[in-house]
Amino acid sequence: MELSPISTNTAMAGIVRQLETNATMQTAILKQMAESQQEMAEMLQQLGLGLSVDLHG
C-alpha cells in the first residue's frame, strides 16, 4: 500500500498539533502545581513549620 505525500503530511501535521496541545497542557499543569506548592510553603512558613528542618540528616 502506498501513501501519498499529501496524506502523510496532513497526518503528520495533525500529530504535531496534538503534541503541541499536550505539551501546552502539561506546562500549564506543572505551573499550577508549582504555584500550589509555593503557596503551601508560604502557609507553613507563616505557621512557623519547616523552619528548622535538617535536609542533610
N, C-alpha and C. Protein backbone atom coordinates (compact mmCIF):
# COMPACT_ATOMS: atom_id res chain seq x y z
N MET A 1 0.84 -1.17 0.00
CA MET A 1 0.00 0.00 0.00
C MET A 1 0.89 1.24 0.00
N GLU A 2 0.61 2.14 -0.90
CA GLU A 2 1.38 3.37 -0.98
C GLU A 2 0.60 4.52 -0.37
N LEU A 3 1.29 5.36 0.36
CA LEU A 3 0.68 6.56 0.92
C LEU A 3 1.14 7.76 0.11
N SER A 4 0.22 8.61 -0.21
CA SER A 4 0.61 9.81 -0.95
C SER A 4 1.28 10.79 0.01
N PRO A 5 2.22 11.56 -0.51
CA PRO A 5 2.89 12.55 0.34
C PRO A 5 1.92 13.53 0.99
N ILE A 6 0.84 13.85 0.29
CA ILE A 6 -0.13 14.82 0.83
C ILE A 6 -0.83 14.25 2.05
N SER A 7 -1.28 13.00 1.99
CA SER A 7 -1.97 12.41 3.13
C SER A 7 -1.01 12.21 4.30
N THR A 8 0.23 11.87 4.01
CA THR A 8 1.23 11.69 5.05
C THR A 8 1.52 13.02 5.73
N ASN A 9 1.68 14.09 4.94
CA ASN A 9 1.95 15.41 5.51
C ASN A 9 0.78 15.90 6.37
N THR A 10 -0.43 15.64 5.92
CA THR A 10 -1.62 16.04 6.68
C THR A 10 -1.67 15.28 8.00
N ALA A 11 -1.39 14.00 7.96
CA ALA A 11 -1.40 13.19 9.19
C ALA A 11 -0.31 13.66 10.14
N MET A 12 0.86 13.94 9.62
CA MET A 12 1.96 14.41 10.46
C MET A 12 1.63 15.77 11.08
N ALA A 13 1.00 16.63 10.31
CA ALA A 13 0.62 17.95 10.83
C ALA A 13 -0.37 17.79 11.98
N GLY A 14 -1.29 16.85 11.85
CA GLY A 14 -2.26 16.58 12.91
C GLY A 14 -1.57 16.06 14.16
N ILE A 15 -0.61 15.19 13.98
CA ILE A 15 0.13 14.63 15.12
C ILE A 15 0.93 15.73 15.82
N VAL A 16 1.57 16.58 15.04
CA VAL A 16 2.35 17.68 15.62
C VAL A 16 1.45 18.62 16.40
N ARG A 17 0.28 18.94 15.86
CA ARG A 17 -0.67 19.81 16.58
C ARG A 17 -1.09 19.17 17.90
N GLN A 18 -1.34 17.87 17.89
CA GLN A 18 -1.76 17.18 19.10
C GLN A 18 -0.63 17.20 20.14
N LEU A 19 0.60 16.97 19.69
CA LEU A 19 1.74 17.00 20.61
C LEU A 19 1.93 18.39 21.20
N GLU A 20 1.76 19.42 20.39
CA GLU A 20 1.88 20.79 20.88
C GLU A 20 0.80 21.09 21.91
N THR A 21 -0.41 20.62 21.66
CA THR A 21 -1.51 20.82 22.61
C THR A 21 -1.20 20.11 23.92
N ASN A 22 -0.71 18.87 23.83
CA ASN A 22 -0.36 18.12 25.03
C ASN A 22 0.73 18.82 25.82
N ALA A 23 1.74 19.31 25.14
CA ALA A 23 2.85 19.99 25.80
C ALA A 23 2.35 21.27 26.49
N THR A 24 1.47 22.00 25.85
CA THR A 24 0.91 23.22 26.44
C THR A 24 0.12 22.89 27.70
N MET A 25 -0.70 21.85 27.64
CA MET A 25 -1.49 21.46 28.80
C MET A 25 -0.59 20.98 29.94
N GLN A 26 0.43 20.20 29.63
CA GLN A 26 1.34 19.72 30.66
C GLN A 26 2.09 20.88 31.31
N THR A 27 2.49 21.85 30.52
CA THR A 27 3.19 23.01 31.07
C THR A 27 2.27 23.79 32.01
N ALA A 28 1.02 23.95 31.63
CA ALA A 28 0.06 24.67 32.48
C ALA A 28 -0.17 23.92 33.79
N ILE A 29 -0.27 22.60 33.72
CA ILE A 29 -0.47 21.79 34.92
C ILE A 29 0.75 21.89 35.84
N LEU A 30 1.94 21.79 35.27
CA LEU A 30 3.16 21.89 36.08
C LEU A 30 3.28 23.26 36.73
N LYS A 31 2.91 24.31 36.00
CA LYS A 31 2.96 25.66 36.55
C LYS A 31 1.99 25.79 37.72
N GLN A 32 0.79 25.23 37.56
CA GLN A 32 -0.20 25.28 38.63
C GLN A 32 0.28 24.50 39.85
N MET A 33 0.90 23.36 39.63
CA MET A 33 1.43 22.57 40.75
C MET A 33 2.53 23.35 41.48
N ALA A 34 3.40 23.98 40.74
CA ALA A 34 4.48 24.76 41.36
C ALA A 34 3.92 25.91 42.18
N GLU A 35 2.91 26.59 41.64
CA GLU A 35 2.30 27.69 42.37
C GLU A 35 1.62 27.19 43.64
N SER A 36 0.96 26.05 43.57
CA SER A 36 0.31 25.48 44.75
C SER A 36 1.34 25.11 45.81
N GLN A 37 2.45 24.52 45.38
CA GLN A 37 3.49 24.15 46.33
C GLN A 37 4.09 25.39 46.98
N GLN A 38 4.24 26.46 46.20
CA GLN A 38 4.78 27.71 46.75
C GLN A 38 3.83 28.28 47.79
N GLU A 39 2.53 28.26 47.48
CA GLU A 39 1.53 28.75 48.43
C GLU A 39 1.56 27.92 49.72
N MET A 40 1.67 26.61 49.57
CA MET A 40 1.71 25.74 50.74
C MET A 40 2.97 26.02 51.58
N ALA A 41 4.09 26.21 50.93
CA ALA A 41 5.33 26.51 51.64
C ALA A 41 5.20 27.83 52.40
N GLU A 42 4.58 28.81 51.79
CA GLU A 42 4.39 30.10 52.45
C GLU A 42 3.46 29.98 53.65
N MET A 43 2.39 29.19 53.52
CA MET A 43 1.48 28.98 54.64
C MET A 43 2.19 28.28 55.79
N LEU A 44 2.97 27.26 55.48
CA LEU A 44 3.70 26.54 56.52
C LEU A 44 4.71 27.46 57.20
N GLN A 45 5.34 28.31 56.42
CA GLN A 45 6.31 29.25 56.98
C GLN A 45 5.61 30.23 57.93
N GLN A 46 4.44 30.70 57.53
CA GLN A 46 3.68 31.62 58.38
C GLN A 46 3.29 30.95 59.70
N LEU A 47 3.09 29.63 59.67
CA LEU A 47 2.75 28.88 60.88
C LEU A 47 3.99 28.51 61.68
N GLY A 48 5.16 28.81 61.12
CA GLY A 48 6.40 28.51 61.81
C GLY A 48 6.85 27.08 61.64
N LEU A 49 6.29 26.40 60.68
CA LEU A 49 6.66 25.00 60.43
C LEU A 49 7.71 24.91 59.33
N GLY A 50 8.61 23.99 59.49
CA GLY A 50 9.60 23.74 58.46
C GLY A 50 10.77 24.71 58.48
N LEU A 51 10.88 25.51 59.53
CA LEU A 51 11.95 26.48 59.58
C LEU A 51 13.27 25.88 60.01
N SER A 52 13.21 24.77 60.73
CA SER A 52 14.45 24.17 61.23
C SER A 52 14.55 22.70 60.81
N VAL A 53 14.23 22.45 59.58
CA VAL A 53 14.28 21.08 59.06
C VAL A 53 15.70 20.81 58.56
N ASP A 54 16.28 19.70 59.01
CA ASP A 54 17.62 19.31 58.58
C ASP A 54 17.49 18.44 57.33
N LEU A 55 17.83 18.99 56.20
CA LEU A 55 17.71 18.24 54.95
C LEU A 55 18.91 17.36 54.68
N HIS A 56 19.98 17.52 55.46
CA HIS A 56 21.21 16.75 55.22
C HIS A 56 21.35 15.59 56.18
N GLY A 57 20.42 15.45 57.10
CA GLY A 57 20.46 14.47 58.16
C GLY A 57 20.79 13.10 57.72
